[in-house]
C-alpha cells in the first residue's frame, strides 16, 4: 500500500479527511508501487472500511448536475474536463453522472439574459432555468442525487438588484431564495426520492492579467463573493438539504487566482478538477464517515 503515501495530499485536500485517518496504521511501506491516481474515490474509500449513509440501489447511482455554463462547459479544454465529467471519473462505475448545465441561465423565475451595459444594465430575453428544456430533462432523469449550482447569472446587476425580478427589499435575494426553495421542493417530490445538494458557485474576479478591469458580464462580485456564501447556506438550512458543496471556498474565495479562469468567471481545467473533487467529497462522505474494520496489511 505504499502507493497511498503519494496519494495522501490529494485525498486530504479533496476529501478534507481528518489526519487521524492516515495515522491509524493503514499506510505503510512495502507492497507494490502501482499508482492509484486513476482509482475512483468510491473504491478507495471502500478499501479503508468506509461506509456511507445514503442511497442504496441496484445498478449505478444516478447523479444529476443542475447548473449554468459553469456546469455545462465553462472554459474546459474539452468535454471530458468539465466538472461533471471529472466527477464521473472520481466516483467510478458505481455512479452515473448527468450534465444538466444550461449556459447563461438563472435560478430566478424571470431572470434575464445579457451582459448588461454601461452605465445602465441592458438585459433582455428569458434566461430562467425554469423555462428551458434542460429543467424537465433533469426532473425526468430519475436521479438518486441532485446537485444544484445556480446563481452566477442571477448575480448580474439587472437580475439581482431588480425588485421586479428579485423581490423587496432590494439586493438581498428574496426572489432568489424563494425560487431556490421551490426548485429543491420539486426535486424532493420526485418518485426517485433523491438526495439533494446545493453548491455555492465559484468566486468571481477580474479577467486574468487585467486587475484594472471589472468582473465580466456585468456580474456583481459583492453578490457572488459576499452574499452567496451566506445566503445559500441559509437556504440549505431552511430546506433541510442533504449537504452543501462549497466550491467557492475550495477555489480560494476572494483570493482565487484569476488564472484558474479564462475570463474571471468561467473555470478552466484545473479549477474544474478542484470543483469535481469538492463535489465528490460531499457526495461520498456527506459530512459523516463511518468506519468498518481496517483491511489487513499485505
C-alpha atoms as a PDB file:
ATOM      1  CA  UNK A   1       0.000   0.000   0.000  1.00  0.00           C
ATOM      2  CA  UNK A   2       2.980   2.328  -0.277  1.00  0.00           C
ATOM      3  CA  UNK A   3       1.278   3.974  -3.222  1.00  0.00           C
ATOM      4  CA  UNK A   4      -1.199   5.592  -0.833  1.00  0.00           C
ATOM      5  CA  UNK A   5       1.594   7.732   0.577  1.00  0.00           C
ATOM      6  CA  UNK A   6       1.827   9.652  -2.663  1.00  0.00           C
ATOM      7  CA  UNK A   7      -1.942   9.982  -2.740  1.00  0.00           C
ATOM      8  CA  UNK A   8      -2.246  11.341   0.790  1.00  0.00           C
ATOM      9  CA  UNK A   9      -2.032  15.056  -0.123  1.00  0.00           C
ATOM     10  CA  UNK A  10      -4.643  14.689  -2.842  1.00  0.00           C
ATOM     11  CA  UNK A  11      -7.008  12.771  -0.576  1.00  0.00           C
ATOM     12  CA  UNK A  12      -6.561  15.192   2.294  1.00  0.00           C
ATOM     13  CA  UNK A  13      -7.225  18.153   0.005  1.00  0.00           C
ATOM     14  CA  UNK A  14     -10.067  16.636  -1.986  1.00  0.00           C
ATOM     15  CA  UNK A  15     -11.926  14.968   0.841  1.00  0.00           C
ATOM     16  CA  UNK A  16     -10.942  17.015   3.864  1.00  0.00           C
ATOM     17  CA  UNK A  17     -10.297  13.783   5.741  1.00  0.00           C
ATOM     18  CA  UNK A  18      -9.043  14.001   9.317  1.00  0.00           C
ATOM     19  CA  UNK A  19      -5.345  13.306   9.597  1.00  0.00           C
ATOM     20  CA  UNK A  20      -6.149  10.682  12.191  1.00  0.00           C
ATOM     21  CA  UNK A  21      -7.448   8.514   9.373  1.00  0.00           C
ATOM     22  CA  UNK A  22      -3.960   8.333   7.956  1.00  0.00           C
ATOM     23  CA  UNK A  23      -2.301   7.786  11.315  1.00  0.00           C
ATOM     24  CA  UNK A  24      -4.164   4.602  12.176  1.00  0.00           C
ATOM     25  CA  UNK A  25      -1.617   2.209  10.730  1.00  0.00           C
ATOM     26  CA  UNK A  26      -3.248   1.798   7.322  1.00  0.00           C
ATOM     27  CA  UNK A  27      -0.472   3.441   5.352  1.00  0.00           C
ATOM     28  CA  UNK A  28       2.773   1.535   5.463  1.00  0.00           C
ATOM     29  CA  UNK A  29       5.797   0.884   3.370  1.00  0.00           C
ATOM     30  CA  UNK A  30       6.194  -2.122   1.164  1.00  0.00           C
ATOM     31  CA  UNK A  31       3.902  -3.778  -1.322  1.00  0.00           C
ATOM     32  CA  UNK A  32       3.590  -2.967  -4.985  1.00  0.00           C
ATOM     33  CA  UNK A  33       4.043   0.524  -6.376  1.00  0.00           C
ATOM     34  CA  UNK A  34       1.138   0.690  -8.773  1.00  0.00           C
ATOM     35  CA  UNK A  35      -0.358   4.182  -8.918  1.00  0.00           C
ATOM     36  CA  UNK A  36      -3.833   4.835  -7.561  1.00  0.00           C
ATOM     37  CA  UNK A  37      -4.169   8.124  -9.394  1.00  0.00           C
ATOM     38  CA  UNK A  38      -6.974   6.760 -11.545  1.00  0.00           C
ATOM     39  CA  UNK A  39      -8.683   4.780  -8.783  1.00  0.00           C
ATOM     40  CA  UNK A  40     -12.201   6.124  -8.185  1.00  0.00           C
ATOM     41  CA  UNK A  41     -12.632   7.665  -4.743  1.00  0.00           C
ATOM     42  CA  UNK A  42     -15.580   5.388  -4.039  1.00  0.00           C
ATOM     43  CA  UNK A  43     -13.380   2.290  -4.499  1.00  0.00           C
ATOM     44  CA  UNK A  44     -10.548   3.728  -2.461  1.00  0.00           C
ATOM     45  CA  UNK A  45     -12.822   4.687   0.408  1.00  0.00           C
ATOM     46  CA  UNK A  46     -14.386   1.250   0.328  1.00  0.00           C
ATOM     47  CA  UNK A  47     -10.905  -0.191   0.686  1.00  0.00           C
ATOM     48  CA  UNK A  48     -10.371   1.551   4.021  1.00  0.00           C
ATOM     49  CA  UNK A  49     -13.586   0.301   5.551  1.00  0.00           C
ATOM     50  CA  UNK A  50     -15.606   3.417   4.813  1.00  0.00           C
ATOM     51  CA  UNK A  51     -19.382   3.177   4.771  1.00  0.00           C
ATOM     52  CA  UNK A  52     -21.669   5.946   3.551  1.00  0.00           C
ATOM     53  CA  UNK A  53     -25.173   6.531   4.825  1.00  0.00           C
ATOM     54  CA  UNK A  54     -27.480   7.228   1.932  1.00  0.00           C
ATOM     55  CA  UNK A  55     -28.507   5.895  -1.428  1.00  0.00           C
ATOM     56  CA  UNK A  56     -28.565   2.148  -1.879  1.00  0.00           C
ATOM     57  CA  UNK A  57     -29.892   0.613  -5.089  1.00  0.00           C
ATOM     58  CA  UNK A  58     -29.268  -1.955  -7.756  1.00  0.00           C
ATOM     59  CA  UNK A  59     -27.306  -0.517 -10.654  1.00  0.00           C
ATOM     60  CA  UNK A  60     -25.423   2.776 -10.819  1.00  0.00           C
ATOM     61  CA  UNK A  61     -26.393   5.688  -8.588  1.00  0.00           C
ATOM     62  CA  UNK A  62     -27.648   8.442 -10.877  1.00  0.00           C
ATOM     63  CA  UNK A  63     -26.292  11.944 -10.207  1.00  0.00           C
ATOM     64  CA  UNK A  64     -27.960  14.876 -11.980  1.00  0.00           C
ATOM     65  CA  UNK A  65     -25.911  18.090 -12.003  1.00  0.00           C
ATOM     66  CA  UNK A  66     -28.136  21.155 -12.440  1.00  0.00           C
ATOM     67  CA  UNK A  67     -26.417  24.409 -13.311  1.00  0.00           C
ATOM     68  CA  UNK A  68     -25.436  27.058 -15.822  1.00  0.00           C
ATOM     69  CA  UNK A  69     -22.456  27.366 -18.183  1.00  0.00           C
ATOM     70  CA  UNK A  70     -20.045  26.504 -15.371  1.00  0.00           C
ATOM     71  CA  UNK A  71     -21.745  23.109 -15.207  1.00  0.00           C
ATOM     72  CA  UNK A  72     -22.321  22.745 -18.938  1.00  0.00           C
ATOM     73  CA  UNK A  73     -18.790  23.500 -20.133  1.00  0.00           C
ATOM     74  CA  UNK A  74     -17.291  26.782 -18.921  1.00  0.00           C
ATOM     75  CA  UNK A  75     -13.742  27.107 -20.203  1.00  0.00           C
ATOM     76  CA  UNK A  76     -12.934  23.406 -20.140  1.00  0.00           C
ATOM     77  CA  UNK A  77     -10.455  22.434 -22.849  1.00  0.00           C
ATOM     78  CA  UNK A  78     -12.818  19.663 -23.935  1.00  0.00           C
ATOM     79  CA  UNK A  79     -15.970  17.925 -22.749  1.00  0.00           C
ATOM     80  CA  UNK A  80     -14.024  15.373 -20.722  1.00  0.00           C
ATOM     81  CA  UNK A  81     -12.655  18.144 -18.489  1.00  0.00           C
ATOM     82  CA  UNK A  82     -15.953  19.669 -17.326  1.00  0.00           C
ATOM     83  CA  UNK A  83     -16.577  19.086 -13.643  1.00  0.00           C
ATOM     84  CA  UNK A  84     -19.421  16.584 -14.261  1.00  0.00           C
ATOM     85  CA  UNK A  85     -17.082  14.548 -16.480  1.00  0.00           C
ATOM     86  CA  UNK A  86     -14.258  14.700 -13.952  1.00  0.00           C
ATOM     87  CA  UNK A  87     -16.755  13.875 -11.195  1.00  0.00           C
ATOM     88  CA  UNK A  88     -17.777  10.766 -13.116  1.00  0.00           C
ATOM     89  CA  UNK A  89     -14.181   9.553 -13.185  1.00  0.00           C
ATOM     90  CA  UNK A  90     -13.745  10.248  -9.471  1.00  0.00           C
ATOM     91  CA  UNK A  91     -16.930   8.462  -8.433  1.00  0.00           C
ATOM     92  CA  UNK A  92     -16.348   5.464 -10.686  1.00  0.00           C
ATOM     93  CA  UNK A  93     -18.656   2.982 -12.362  1.00  0.00           C
ATOM     94  CA  UNK A  94     -20.968   2.726  -9.376  1.00  0.00           C
ATOM     95  CA  UNK A  95     -22.251   6.171 -10.298  1.00  0.00           C
ATOM     96  CA  UNK A  96     -23.726   7.673 -13.460  1.00  0.00           C
ATOM     97  CA  UNK A  97     -23.268  11.440 -13.709  1.00  0.00           C
ATOM     98  CA  UNK A  98     -25.514  13.509 -15.989  1.00  0.00           C
ATOM     99  CA  UNK A  99     -24.799  17.096 -17.018  1.00  0.00           C
ATOM    100  CA  UNK A 100     -27.868  19.343 -16.948  1.00  0.00           C
ATOM    101  CA  UNK A 101     -25.993  22.606 -17.261  1.00  0.00           C
ATOM    102  CA  UNK A 102     -27.547  25.354 -19.396  1.00  0.00           C
ATOM    103  CA  UNK A 103     -25.376  28.321 -20.334  1.00  0.00           C
ATOM    104  CA  UNK A 104     -26.474  31.780 -19.234  1.00  0.00           C
ATOM    105  CA  UNK A 105     -29.418  30.552 -17.188  1.00  0.00           C
ATOM    106  CA  UNK A 106     -30.700  31.912 -13.879  1.00  0.00           C
ATOM    107  CA  UNK A 107     -32.423  30.416 -10.886  1.00  0.00           C
ATOM    108  CA  UNK A 108     -34.779  33.397 -10.777  1.00  0.00           C
ATOM    109  CA  UNK A 109     -38.079  32.519 -12.426  1.00  0.00           C
ATOM    110  CA  UNK A 110     -37.968  35.704 -14.526  1.00  0.00           C
ATOM    111  CA  UNK A 111     -34.211  36.089 -14.849  1.00  0.00           C
ATOM    112  CA  UNK A 112     -32.935  37.978 -17.888  1.00  0.00           C
ATOM    113  CA  UNK A 113     -30.206  37.271 -20.409  1.00  0.00           C
ATOM    114  CA  UNK A 114     -27.470  39.656 -21.458  1.00  0.00           C
ATOM    115  CA  UNK A 115     -24.196  41.051 -20.265  1.00  0.00           C
ATOM    116  CA  UNK A 116     -25.614  44.412 -19.330  1.00  0.00           C
ATOM    117  CA  UNK A 117     -24.468  47.836 -20.386  1.00  0.00           C
ATOM    118  CA  UNK A 118     -22.666  50.888 -19.087  1.00  0.00           C
ATOM    119  CA  UNK A 119     -23.788  52.676 -17.036  1.00  0.00           C
ATOM    120  CA  UNK A 120     -27.262  51.099 -17.024  1.00  0.00           C
ATOM    121  CA  UNK A 121     -27.588  47.314 -17.466  1.00  0.00           C
ATOM    122  CA  UNK A 122     -29.307  46.418 -20.721  1.00  0.00           C
ATOM    123  CA  UNK A 123     -30.562  42.881 -20.258  1.00  0.00           C
ATOM    124  CA  UNK A 124     -33.354  41.230 -22.188  1.00  0.00           C
ATOM    125  CA  UNK A 125     -34.821  37.831 -23.001  1.00  0.00           C
ATOM    126  CA  UNK A 126     -35.861  34.847 -20.919  1.00  0.00           C
ATOM    127  CA  UNK A 127     -32.883  33.211 -19.253  1.00  0.00           C
ATOM    128  CA  UNK A 128     -34.680  31.431 -16.428  1.00  0.00           C
ATOM    129  CA  UNK A 129     -33.611  27.813 -15.967  1.00  0.00           C
ATOM    130  CA  UNK A 130     -37.241  27.100 -15.150  1.00  0.00           C
ATOM    131  CA  UNK A 131     -38.297  27.785 -18.745  1.00  0.00           C
ATOM    132  CA  UNK A 132     -35.675  25.725 -20.568  1.00  0.00           C
ATOM    133  CA  UNK A 133     -35.935  22.150 -21.827  1.00  0.00           C
ATOM    134  CA  UNK A 134     -32.974  21.325 -19.579  1.00  0.00           C
ATOM    135  CA  UNK A 135     -35.108  21.588 -16.441  1.00  0.00           C
ATOM    136  CA  UNK A 136     -37.724  18.946 -17.322  1.00  0.00           C
ATOM    137  CA  UNK A 137     -34.824  16.842 -18.574  1.00  0.00           C
ATOM    138  CA  UNK A 138     -33.321  16.938 -15.095  1.00  0.00           C
ATOM    139  CA  UNK A 139     -36.678  16.285 -13.458  1.00  0.00           C
ATOM    140  CA  UNK A 140     -37.246  13.217 -15.640  1.00  0.00           C
ATOM    141  CA  UNK A 141     -33.726  11.820 -15.196  1.00  0.00           C
ATOM    142  CA  UNK A 142     -34.778   9.590 -12.256  1.00  0.00           C
ATOM    143  CA  UNK A 143     -31.955  10.975 -10.115  1.00  0.00           C
ATOM    144  CA  UNK A 144     -30.761   9.401  -6.903  1.00  0.00           C
ATOM    145  CA  UNK A 145     -28.687  12.512  -6.206  1.00  0.00           C
ATOM    146  CA  UNK A 146     -29.288  16.073  -7.415  1.00  0.00           C
ATOM    147  CA  UNK A 147     -26.714  18.839  -7.200  1.00  0.00           C
ATOM    148  CA  UNK A 148     -27.821  22.424  -7.846  1.00  0.00           C
ATOM    149  CA  UNK A 149     -25.298  25.146  -8.649  1.00  0.00           C
ATOM    150  CA  UNK A 150     -27.167  28.161  -9.983  1.00  0.00           C
ATOM    151  CA  UNK A 151     -26.721  31.828  -9.178  1.00  0.00           C
ATOM    152  CA  UNK A 152     -23.834  33.169 -11.219  1.00  0.00           C
ATOM    153  CA  UNK A 153     -26.149  34.662 -13.857  1.00  0.00           C
ATOM    154  CA  UNK A 154     -28.593  35.796 -11.192  1.00  0.00           C
ATOM    155  CA  UNK A 155     -25.728  37.953  -9.883  1.00  0.00           C
ATOM    156  CA  UNK A 156     -25.935  40.245 -12.902  1.00  0.00           C
ATOM    157  CA  UNK A 157     -26.964  43.694 -11.709  1.00  0.00           C
ATOM    158  CA  UNK A 158     -30.078  43.667 -13.883  1.00  0.00           C
ATOM    159  CA  UNK A 159     -31.234  40.500 -12.117  1.00  0.00           C
ATOM    160  CA  UNK A 160     -30.118  40.529  -8.517  1.00  0.00           C
ATOM    161  CA  UNK A 161     -30.718  44.218  -7.842  1.00  0.00           C
ATOM    162  CA  UNK A 162     -34.090  44.361  -9.579  1.00  0.00           C
ATOM    163  CA  UNK A 163     -37.069  44.375  -7.219  1.00  0.00           C
ATOM    164  CA  UNK A 164     -39.223  43.239 -10.142  1.00  0.00           C
ATOM    165  CA  UNK A 165     -37.173  40.087 -10.569  1.00  0.00           C
ATOM    166  CA  UNK A 166     -35.629  39.501  -7.162  1.00  0.00           C
ATOM    167  CA  UNK A 167     -38.149  40.922  -4.731  1.00  0.00           C
ATOM    168  CA  UNK A 168     -38.063  43.513  -1.996  1.00  0.00           C
ATOM    169  CA  UNK A 169     -36.127  44.697  -0.039  1.00  0.00           C
ATOM    170  CA  UNK A 170     -33.759  45.274  -2.933  1.00  0.00           C
ATOM    171  CA  UNK A 171     -30.498  43.418  -3.176  1.00  0.00           C
ATOM    172  CA  UNK A 172     -30.857  40.720  -0.525  1.00  0.00           C
ATOM    173  CA  UNK A 173     -32.081  37.856  -2.737  1.00  0.00           C
ATOM    174  CA  UNK A 174     -35.719  37.459  -1.700  1.00  0.00           C
ATOM    175  CA  UNK A 175     -36.788  36.126  -5.107  1.00  0.00           C
ATOM    176  CA  UNK A 176     -33.636  34.022  -5.408  1.00  0.00           C
ATOM    177  CA  UNK A 177     -34.350  32.363  -2.053  1.00  0.00           C
ATOM    178  CA  UNK A 178     -37.970  31.641  -2.993  1.00  0.00           C
ATOM    179  CA  UNK A 179     -37.011  30.178  -6.373  1.00  0.00           C
ATOM    180  CA  UNK A 180     -34.281  28.031  -4.798  1.00  0.00           C
ATOM    181  CA  UNK A 181     -36.645  26.624  -2.179  1.00  0.00           C
ATOM    182  CA  UNK A 182     -39.237  25.890  -4.875  1.00  0.00           C
ATOM    183  CA  UNK A 183     -36.698  24.054  -7.037  1.00  0.00           C
ATOM    184  CA  UNK A 184     -35.452  21.992  -4.119  1.00  0.00           C
ATOM    185  CA  UNK A 185     -39.049  21.079  -3.322  1.00  0.00           C
ATOM    186  CA  UNK A 186     -39.733  19.976  -6.892  1.00  0.00           C
ATOM    187  CA  UNK A 187     -36.749  17.630  -6.910  1.00  0.00           C
ATOM    188  CA  UNK A 188     -37.603  16.375  -3.435  1.00  0.00           C
ATOM    189  CA  UNK A 189     -41.077  15.313  -4.625  1.00  0.00           C
ATOM    190  CA  UNK A 190     -39.715  13.088  -7.390  1.00  0.00           C
ATOM    191  CA  UNK A 191     -40.572   9.370  -7.183  1.00  0.00           C
ATOM    192  CA  UNK A 192     -36.850   8.552  -7.054  1.00  0.00           C
ATOM    193  CA  UNK A 193     -36.629  10.420  -3.712  1.00  0.00           C
ATOM    194  CA  UNK A 194     -33.197  11.914  -4.468  1.00  0.00           C
ATOM    195  CA  UNK A 195     -30.677  13.263  -2.029  1.00  0.00           C
ATOM    196  CA  UNK A 196     -30.226  16.973  -2.740  1.00  0.00           C
ATOM    197  CA  UNK A 197     -27.049  19.012  -2.501  1.00  0.00           C
ATOM    198  CA  UNK A 198     -26.747  22.740  -3.085  1.00  0.00           C
ATOM    199  CA  UNK A 199     -23.472  24.250  -4.252  1.00  0.00           C
ATOM    200  CA  UNK A 200     -22.021  27.679  -3.606  1.00  0.00           C
ATOM    201  CA  UNK A 201     -20.818  28.902  -7.038  1.00  0.00           C
ATOM    202  CA  UNK A 202     -17.158  29.635  -7.769  1.00  0.00           C
ATOM    203  CA  UNK A 203     -15.709  33.047  -6.910  1.00  0.00           C
ATOM    204  CA  UNK A 204     -15.890  35.983  -9.292  1.00  0.00           C
ATOM    205  CA  UNK A 205     -12.778  38.008 -10.061  1.00  0.00           C
ATOM    206  CA  UNK A 206     -11.230  40.212 -12.708  1.00  0.00           C
ATOM    207  CA  UNK A 207     -10.099  38.750 -16.045  1.00  0.00           C
ATOM    208  CA  UNK A 208      -6.656  37.124 -15.773  1.00  0.00           C
ATOM    209  CA  UNK A 209      -3.862  39.598 -16.368  1.00  0.00           C
ATOM    210  CA  UNK A 210      -6.189  42.600 -16.068  1.00  0.00           C
ATOM    211  CA  UNK A 211      -6.585  43.669 -12.436  1.00  0.00           C
ATOM    212  CA  UNK A 212      -7.690  47.063 -13.696  1.00  0.00           C
ATOM    213  CA  UNK A 213     -10.834  45.618 -15.298  1.00  0.00           C
ATOM    214  CA  UNK A 214     -14.118  44.818 -13.526  1.00  0.00           C
ATOM    215  CA  UNK A 215     -15.529  41.288 -13.349  1.00  0.00           C
ATOM    216  CA  UNK A 216     -17.123  40.154 -16.625  1.00  0.00           C
ATOM    217  CA  UNK A 217     -20.725  40.009 -17.810  1.00  0.00           C
ATOM    218  CA  UNK A 218     -21.984  42.820 -15.575  1.00  0.00           C
ATOM    219  CA  UNK A 219     -21.894  40.446 -12.613  1.00  0.00           C
ATOM    220  CA  UNK A 220     -21.643  41.669  -9.046  1.00  0.00           C
ATOM    221  CA  UNK A 221     -18.629  40.423  -7.107  1.00  0.00           C
ATOM    222  CA  UNK A 222     -20.408  41.536  -3.940  1.00  0.00           C
ATOM    223  CA  UNK A 223     -23.246  39.120  -4.671  1.00  0.00           C
ATOM    224  CA  UNK A 224     -21.063  36.160  -5.631  1.00  0.00           C
ATOM    225  CA  UNK A 225     -18.245  36.681  -3.139  1.00  0.00           C
ATOM    226  CA  UNK A 226     -20.176  38.284  -0.294  1.00  0.00           C
ATOM    227  CA  UNK A 227     -23.859  37.413  -0.338  1.00  0.00           C
ATOM    228  CA  UNK A 228     -23.992  33.885  -1.782  1.00  0.00           C
ATOM    229  CA  UNK A 229     -21.661  32.150   0.702  1.00  0.00           C
ATOM    230  CA  UNK A 230     -24.056  33.237   3.455  1.00  0.00           C
ATOM    231  CA  UNK A 231     -27.387  33.216   1.603  1.00  0.00           C
ATOM    232  CA  UNK A 232     -27.019  29.748   0.072  1.00  0.00           C
ATOM    233  CA  UNK A 233     -26.097  28.239   3.431  1.00  0.00           C
ATOM    234  CA  UNK A 234     -29.206  29.855   4.889  1.00  0.00           C
ATOM    235  CA  UNK A 235     -31.349  28.442   2.063  1.00  0.00           C
ATOM    236  CA  UNK A 236     -29.810  24.999   2.572  1.00  0.00           C
ATOM    237  CA  UNK A 237     -30.624  25.116   6.279  1.00  0.00           C
ATOM    238  CA  UNK A 238     -34.203  26.231   5.648  1.00  0.00           C
ATOM    239  CA  UNK A 239     -34.726  23.493   3.061  1.00  0.00           C
ATOM    240  CA  UNK A 240     -33.019  20.773   5.069  1.00  0.00           C
ATOM    241  CA  UNK A 241     -30.947  19.579   2.119  1.00  0.00           C
ATOM    242  CA  UNK A 242     -28.530  16.679   2.375  1.00  0.00           C
ATOM    243  CA  UNK A 243     -25.391  18.749   2.006  1.00  0.00           C
ATOM    244  CA  UNK A 244     -23.662  21.942   0.925  1.00  0.00           C
ATOM    245  CA  UNK A 245     -20.906  21.829  -1.693  1.00  0.00           C
ATOM    246  CA  UNK A 246     -18.655  24.831  -1.117  1.00  0.00           C
ATOM    247  CA  UNK A 247     -16.804  25.304  -4.385  1.00  0.00           C
ATOM    248  CA  UNK A 248     -16.338  28.991  -3.544  1.00  0.00           C
ATOM    249  CA  UNK A 249     -14.036  28.241  -0.621  1.00  0.00           C
ATOM    250  CA  UNK A 250     -12.372  25.311  -2.386  1.00  0.00           C
ATOM    251  CA  UNK A 251     -11.221  27.649  -5.158  1.00  0.00           C
ATOM    252  CA  UNK A 252      -9.847  30.227  -2.737  1.00  0.00           C
ATOM    253  CA  UNK A 253     -12.802  32.541  -2.215  1.00  0.00           C
ATOM    254  CA  UNK A 254     -11.935  36.199  -2.753  1.00  0.00           C
ATOM    255  CA  UNK A 255      -8.287  35.170  -3.145  1.00  0.00           C
ATOM    256  CA  UNK A 256      -8.885  32.839  -6.093  1.00  0.00           C
ATOM    257  CA  UNK A 257      -6.165  33.048  -8.715  1.00  0.00           C
ATOM    258  CA  UNK A 258      -7.737  34.691 -11.807  1.00  0.00           C
ATOM    259  CA  UNK A 259      -5.616  32.365 -13.962  1.00  0.00           C
ATOM    260  CA  UNK A 260      -7.838  29.498 -12.863  1.00  0.00           C
ATOM    261  CA  UNK A 261     -10.444  31.108 -15.138  1.00  0.00           C
ATOM    262  CA  UNK A 262     -10.471  32.240 -18.740  1.00  0.00           C
ATOM    263  CA  UNK A 263     -12.360  35.452 -18.021  1.00  0.00           C
ATOM    264  CA  UNK A 264     -12.698  35.921 -14.252  1.00  0.00           C
ATOM    265  CA  UNK A 265     -15.865  33.824 -14.146  1.00  0.00           C
ATOM    266  CA  UNK A 266     -15.604  30.540 -16.055  1.00  0.00           C
ATOM    267  CA  UNK A 267     -13.210  27.933 -14.614  1.00  0.00           C
ATOM    268  CA  UNK A 268     -10.539  26.177 -16.640  1.00  0.00           C
ATOM    269  CA  UNK A 269      -9.488  22.543 -16.387  1.00  0.00           C
ATOM    270  CA  UNK A 270      -7.517  22.793 -13.136  1.00  0.00           C
ATOM    271  CA  UNK A 271     -10.319  24.626 -11.367  1.00  0.00           C
ATOM    272  CA  UNK A 272     -12.863  22.134 -12.695  1.00  0.00           C
ATOM    273  CA  UNK A 273     -10.747  19.399 -11.135  1.00  0.00           C
ATOM    274  CA  UNK A 274     -10.987  21.146  -7.769  1.00  0.00           C
ATOM    275  CA  UNK A 275     -14.740  21.556  -8.197  1.00  0.00           C
ATOM    276  CA  UNK A 276     -15.151  17.876  -9.087  1.00  0.00           C
ATOM    277  CA  UNK A 277     -13.175  16.781  -6.023  1.00  0.00           C
ATOM    278  CA  UNK A 278     -15.264  19.062  -3.819  1.00  0.00           C
ATOM    279  CA  UNK A 279     -18.471  17.563  -5.227  1.00  0.00           C
ATOM    280  CA  UNK A 280     -17.133  14.023  -4.840  1.00  0.00           C
ATOM    281  CA  UNK A 281     -16.105  14.631  -1.237  1.00  0.00           C
ATOM    282  CA  UNK A 282     -19.590  15.770  -0.259  1.00  0.00           C
ATOM    283  CA  UNK A 283     -21.379  13.057  -2.232  1.00  0.00           C
ATOM    284  CA  UNK A 284     -19.197  10.259  -0.877  1.00  0.00           C
ATOM    285  CA  UNK A 285     -18.714  11.477   2.660  1.00  0.00           C
ATOM    286  CA  UNK A 286     -21.648  13.816   3.194  1.00  0.00           C
ATOM    287  CA  UNK A 287     -20.083  15.188   6.355  1.00  0.00           C
ATOM    288  CA  UNK A 288     -20.315  11.765   8.013  1.00  0.00           C
ATOM    289  CA  UNK A 289     -17.818   8.944   7.931  1.00  0.00           C
ATOM    290  CA  UNK A 290     -18.444   5.501   9.330  1.00  0.00           C
ATOM    291  CA  UNK A 291     -15.518   3.192   9.691  1.00  0.00           C
ATOM    292  CA  UNK A 292     -15.626  -0.541   9.408  1.00  0.00           C
ATOM    293  CA  UNK A 293     -12.612  -2.671  10.186  1.00  0.00           C
ATOM    294  CA  UNK A 294      -9.387  -1.629   8.563  1.00  0.00           C
ATOM    295  CA  UNK A 295      -8.051  -4.067   5.958  1.00  0.00           C
ATOM    296  CA  UNK A 296      -5.156  -6.270   6.857  1.00  0.00           C
ATOM    297  CA  UNK A 297      -1.777  -5.163   5.619  1.00  0.00           C
ATOM    298  CA  UNK A 298      -0.465  -7.162   2.724  1.00  0.00           C
END
